[in-house]
Amino acid sequence: MIMSISITSPVTELLENKGIVFEVIEIPLTEDKKPVRYLEELLSKQGIDPQSIVRSLLFKTASDYYVLLAVAGGGRADWGVLRKHLNERKCRMAEFDEVSESTGYVVGAVPPIALPKEIKVLVDFSMKSYETVVIGSGVLGFALSLKGADLLNLLEDADQGQFVIL
């Protein structure tokens, strides 16, 4: 639920330093400390469009570097477009342990911002469709809601394109 609680992470620090307004959304965890699987339903009950969730999909290229694709709504990564854009013959989804090792965040809390500089970020055009977006907070069990335009401004140096198949 949207709360007036405070969490601290590199993501919230970046947003605060840039003067960007955001709200914290608590995401209940299961008994084994994993985010609930019904996040879309939870957001819908709070009046938030579940398609506005920005998924941070991490890939590892054949050249051994990481690429994060930020995408809102549904759709699957278009592997052909990704490989061509990155000029790579192969790329694959990062494995579970590679996510935290490369980003510094656990699966389920990875944001599209406040990442290590060596991670290349791609922004799918789908993010432009939402006035308000929900991103990973960097802290498991919490997400952040902010204006889509503010997030896109933070990601202005990232490559933008149509990277998913709807």
Protein backbone atom coordinates (compact mmCIF):
# COMPACT_ATOMS: atom_id res chain seq x y z
CA MET A 1 0.00 0.00 0.00
CA ILE A 2 1.10 3.58 -0.54
CA MET A 3 2.34 4.82 2.78
CA SER A 4 4.05 7.81 4.24
CA ILE A 5 6.91 5.59 5.35
CA SER A 6 10.52 6.22 4.57
CA ILE A 7 13.07 3.87 3.11
CA THR A 8 16.64 4.66 2.13
CA SER A 9 18.48 3.29 -0.86
CA PRO A 10 20.65 4.68 -3.66
CA VAL A 11 17.40 5.04 -5.63
CA THR A 12 15.58 7.16 -3.04
CA GLU A 13 18.74 9.21 -2.47
CA LEU A 14 19.03 9.94 -6.20
CA LEU A 15 15.37 10.96 -6.43
CA GLU A 16 15.63 13.18 -3.34
CA ASN A 17 18.85 14.82 -4.60
CA LYS A 18 17.12 15.62 -7.92
CA GLY A 19 14.03 16.97 -6.13
CA ILE A 20 11.79 14.30 -7.65
CA VAL A 21 8.59 13.53 -5.76
CA PHE A 22 7.87 9.83 -5.21
CA GLU A 23 5.70 7.65 -3.03
CA VAL A 24 6.71 4.42 -1.33
CA ILE A 25 4.54 1.36 -2.01
CA GLU A 26 4.84 -1.54 0.41
CA ILE A 27 4.83 -4.93 -1.28
CA PRO A 28 4.05 -7.73 1.15
CA LEU A 29 6.61 -10.54 1.18
CA THR A 30 5.82 -14.24 1.34
CA GLU A 31 7.02 -16.34 4.26
CA ASP A 32 10.21 -17.16 2.34
CA LYS A 33 10.93 -13.41 1.88
CA LYS A 34 9.93 -13.16 -1.78
CA PRO A 35 7.68 -10.42 -3.21
CA VAL A 36 4.07 -11.42 -3.63
CA ARG A 37 3.12 -12.71 -7.04
CA TYR A 38 -0.03 -10.61 -7.23
CA LEU A 39 1.59 -7.17 -7.42
CA GLU A 40 -0.65 -6.13 -10.33
CA GLU A 41 -3.78 -6.92 -8.30
CA LEU A 42 -2.37 -5.08 -5.27
CA LEU A 43 -1.70 -1.97 -7.36
CA SER A 44 -5.11 -2.11 -9.05
CA LYS A 45 -6.81 -2.04 -5.64
CA GLN A 46 -4.84 1.15 -4.90
CA GLY A 47 -5.93 2.80 -8.14
CA ILE A 48 -2.56 2.33 -9.85
CA ASP A 49 -2.46 0.97 -13.41
CA PRO A 50 -0.65 -2.39 -13.11
CA GLN A 51 0.73 -1.92 -16.64
CA SER A 52 2.68 1.09 -15.31
CA ILE A 53 5.16 -1.21 -13.55
CA VAL A 54 8.59 -0.71 -15.09
CA ARG A 55 10.29 -4.07 -15.21
CA SER A 56 14.08 -4.02 -15.06
CA LEU A 57 15.24 -6.97 -17.16
CA LEU A 58 18.93 -7.76 -16.91
CA PHE A 59 20.81 -9.44 -19.74
CA LYS A 60 24.37 -10.64 -20.10
CA THR A 61 26.00 -10.35 -23.51
CA ALA A 62 28.43 -12.68 -25.24
CA SER A 63 31.02 -9.92 -24.67
CA ASP A 64 30.47 -10.47 -20.93
CA TYR A 65 28.81 -7.20 -19.98
CA TYR A 66 25.38 -6.47 -18.54
CA VAL A 67 22.50 -4.60 -20.13
CA LEU A 68 19.33 -3.57 -18.30
CA LEU A 69 16.14 -3.17 -20.32
CA ALA A 70 13.52 -0.95 -18.68
CA VAL A 71 10.06 -1.77 -20.03
CA ALA A 72 6.53 -0.94 -18.91
CA GLY A 73 3.42 -2.98 -19.57
CA GLY A 74 3.50 -6.41 -21.10
CA GLY A 75 5.55 -7.86 -23.88
CA ARG A 76 8.66 -9.96 -24.24
CA ALA A 77 12.15 -8.84 -25.11
CA ASP A 78 12.77 -8.97 -28.86
CA TRP A 79 16.04 -10.90 -28.87
CA GLY A 80 16.81 -10.06 -32.50
CA VAL A 81 16.39 -6.34 -31.95
CA LEU A 82 18.42 -6.46 -28.72
CA ARG A 83 21.32 -8.34 -30.34
CA LYS A 84 21.33 -6.03 -33.35
CA HIS A 85 21.16 -2.87 -31.22
CA LEU A 86 23.95 -4.09 -28.96
CA ASN A 87 25.96 -5.46 -31.90
CA GLU A 88 26.17 -8.82 -30.11
CA ARG A 89 25.79 -12.28 -31.58
CA LYS A 90 24.31 -13.60 -28.32
CA CYS A 91 22.75 -12.35 -25.14
CA ARG A 92 20.80 -14.10 -22.41
CA MET A 93 18.83 -13.28 -19.30
CA ALA A 94 21.12 -12.83 -16.31
CA GLU A 95 21.03 -15.64 -13.79
CA PHE A 96 19.60 -15.06 -10.31
CA ASP A 97 22.94 -14.58 -8.54
CA GLU A 98 24.33 -12.46 -11.39
CA VAL A 99 21.58 -9.88 -10.82
CA SER A 100 22.67 -8.94 -7.30
CA GLU A 101 26.37 -9.31 -8.10
CA SER A 102 26.20 -6.91 -11.06
CA THR A 103 23.52 -4.42 -9.94
CA GLY A 104 23.92 -4.41 -6.16
CA TYR A 105 20.17 -5.07 -5.80
CA VAL A 106 18.25 -8.28 -5.15
CA VAL A 107 15.81 -9.74 -7.67
CA GLY A 108 12.46 -8.09 -7.10
CA ALA A 109 13.92 -4.71 -6.13
CA VAL A 110 16.09 -3.79 -9.16
CA PRO A 111 15.46 -0.23 -10.38
CA PRO A 112 16.23 1.17 -13.84
CA ILE A 113 18.24 4.00 -12.21
CA ALA A 114 21.02 4.29 -9.60
CA LEU A 115 22.90 1.41 -11.20
CA PRO A 116 26.63 0.81 -11.53
CA LYS A 117 28.04 2.84 -14.44
CA GLU A 118 29.19 -0.26 -16.33
CA ILE A 119 25.60 -1.45 -16.83
CA LYS A 120 24.19 -0.19 -20.12
CA VAL A 121 20.54 0.81 -19.83
CA LEU A 122 18.01 0.53 -22.65
CA VAL A 123 14.61 2.22 -22.35
CA ASP A 124 11.70 0.72 -24.23
CA PHE A 125 9.27 3.20 -25.81
CA SER A 126 6.50 1.58 -23.73
CA MET A 127 7.58 3.71 -20.76
CA LYS A 128 6.35 6.84 -22.53
CA SER A 129 2.75 5.59 -22.30
CA TYR A 130 2.32 6.16 -18.56
CA GLU A 131 1.91 9.39 -16.62
CA THR A 132 2.87 7.61 -13.41
CA VAL A 133 5.21 4.60 -13.23
CA VAL A 134 6.21 2.14 -10.53
CA ILE A 135 9.87 1.11 -10.23
CA GLY A 136 11.99 -1.04 -7.96
CA SER A 137 13.13 0.85 -4.90
CA GLY A 138 16.35 -1.02 -4.29
CA VAL A 139 14.82 -2.44 -1.10
CA LEU A 140 12.97 -5.76 -1.22
CA GLY A 141 9.34 -5.34 -0.19
CA PHE A 142 9.00 -1.78 -1.47
CA ALA A 143 8.46 -0.06 -4.82
CA LEU A 144 8.36 3.59 -5.76
CA SER A 145 5.69 5.49 -7.68
CA LEU A 146 6.76 8.60 -9.58
CA LYS A 147 5.95 10.62 -12.68
CA GLY A 148 6.96 8.83 -15.86
CA ALA A 149 8.38 12.08 -17.26
CA ASP A 150 10.68 12.40 -14.23
CA LEU A 151 11.97 8.86 -14.73
CA LEU A 152 12.51 9.43 -18.46
CA ASN A 153 14.45 12.62 -17.67
CA LEU A 154 16.74 10.62 -15.38
CA LEU A 155 17.21 8.10 -18.20
CA GLU A 156 17.76 10.67 -20.96
CA ASP A 157 21.28 9.33 -21.70
CA ALA A 158 20.03 5.75 -22.08
CA ASP A 159 19.40 4.28 -25.52
CA GLN A 160 15.69 4.35 -26.35
CA GLY A 161 13.83 2.16 -28.80
CA GLN A 162 11.26 -0.56 -29.41
CA PHE A 163 12.91 -3.52 -27.70
CA VAL A 164 9.87 -5.70 -26.91
CA ILE A 165 7.35 -7.74 -28.82
CA LEU A 166 3.84 -6.91 -27.67
